[in-house]
């Protein structure tokens, strides 16, 4: 997870119903010229409480 990607996460990107504490959608920058791709990252218990 890059800091710039984490700063772009919005509450609409958080999926509370998936996983034990939820997941969120990360809008990535892409690598090797493949272009930007979205991916899901796990949200941990501390992150859920913080949000």
C-alpha atoms as a PDB file:
ATOM      1  CA  UNK A   1       0.000   0.000   0.000  1.00  0.00           C
ATOM      2  CA  UNK A   2       1.421   3.347  -1.022  1.00  0.00           C
ATOM      3  CA  UNK A   3       0.650   6.435   1.053  1.00  0.00           C
ATOM      4  CA  UNK A   4      -0.661   8.251  -2.030  1.00  0.00           C
ATOM      5  CA  UNK A   5      -3.095   5.379  -2.699  1.00  0.00           C
ATOM      6  CA  UNK A   6      -4.295   5.358   0.896  1.00  0.00           C
ATOM      7  CA  UNK A   7      -4.985   9.109   0.790  1.00  0.00           C
ATOM      8  CA  UNK A   8      -7.388   8.589  -2.131  1.00  0.00           C
ATOM      9  CA  UNK A   9      -9.585   6.040  -0.325  1.00  0.00           C
ATOM     10  CA  UNK A  10     -13.102   7.311   0.354  1.00  0.00           C
ATOM     11  CA  UNK A  11     -15.790   5.861   2.635  1.00  0.00           C
ATOM     12  CA  UNK A  12     -17.650   4.639  -0.456  1.00  0.00           C
ATOM     13  CA  UNK A  13     -14.622   2.442  -1.230  1.00  0.00           C
ATOM     14  CA  UNK A  14     -14.973   0.573   2.088  1.00  0.00           C
ATOM     15  CA  UNK A  15     -16.918  -2.712   1.989  1.00  0.00           C
ATOM     16  CA  UNK A  16     -17.801  -3.508   5.598  1.00  0.00           C
ATOM     17  CA  UNK A  17     -19.512  -6.826   4.785  1.00  0.00           C
ATOM     18  CA  UNK A  18     -16.455  -8.601   3.317  1.00  0.00           C
ATOM     19  CA  UNK A  19     -13.857 -10.217   5.533  1.00  0.00           C
ATOM     20  CA  UNK A  20     -13.804 -10.223   9.332  1.00  0.00           C
ATOM     21  CA  UNK A  21     -13.438  -6.420   9.588  1.00  0.00           C
ATOM     22  CA  UNK A  22     -14.054  -5.361   5.990  1.00  0.00           C
ATOM     23  CA  UNK A  23     -12.055  -4.505   2.879  1.00  0.00           C
ATOM     24  CA  UNK A  24     -11.469  -1.348   0.936  1.00  0.00           C
ATOM     25  CA  UNK A  25     -10.859  -0.603  -2.708  1.00  0.00           C
ATOM     26  CA  UNK A  26      -7.468   0.892  -3.589  1.00  0.00           C
ATOM     27  CA  UNK A  27      -7.070   2.861  -6.818  1.00  0.00           C
ATOM     28  CA  UNK A  28      -3.523   1.941  -7.850  1.00  0.00           C
ATOM     29  CA  UNK A  29      -1.086   3.584 -10.192  1.00  0.00           C
ATOM     30  CA  UNK A  30      -0.203   0.442 -12.173  1.00  0.00           C
ATOM     31  CA  UNK A  31       3.200  -1.010 -12.901  1.00  0.00           C
ATOM     32  CA  UNK A  32       5.234  -1.709 -15.989  1.00  0.00           C
ATOM     33  CA  UNK A  33       3.026   0.328 -18.303  1.00  0.00           C
ATOM     34  CA  UNK A  34      -0.034  -1.853 -17.631  1.00  0.00           C
ATOM     35  CA  UNK A  35      -2.100   1.123 -16.517  1.00  0.00           C
ATOM     36  CA  UNK A  36      -3.900   1.827 -13.273  1.00  0.00           C
ATOM     37  CA  UNK A  37      -5.789  -1.036 -11.652  1.00  0.00           C
ATOM     38  CA  UNK A  38      -8.080  -1.188  -8.674  1.00  0.00           C
ATOM     39  CA  UNK A  39      -7.489  -3.831  -6.012  1.00  0.00           C
ATOM     40  CA  UNK A  40      -8.910  -4.717  -2.623  1.00  0.00           C
ATOM     41  CA  UNK A  41      -6.961  -4.524   0.621  1.00  0.00           C
ATOM     42  CA  UNK A  42      -7.886  -5.937   4.001  1.00  0.00           C
ATOM     43  CA  UNK A  43      -9.085  -3.608   6.696  1.00  0.00           C
ATOM     44  CA  UNK A  44      -7.829  -4.544  10.151  1.00  0.00           C
ATOM     45  CA  UNK A  45      -9.653  -4.164  13.458  1.00  0.00           C
ATOM     46  CA  UNK A  46      -7.750  -0.997  14.409  1.00  0.00           C
ATOM     47  CA  UNK A  47      -8.474   0.577  11.022  1.00  0.00           C
ATOM     48  CA  UNK A  48     -12.180  -0.182  11.300  1.00  0.00           C
ATOM     49  CA  UNK A  49     -12.343   1.418  14.742  1.00  0.00           C
ATOM     50  CA  UNK A  50     -10.470   4.463  13.413  1.00  0.00           C
ATOM     51  CA  UNK A  51     -12.873   4.943  10.508  1.00  0.00           C
END
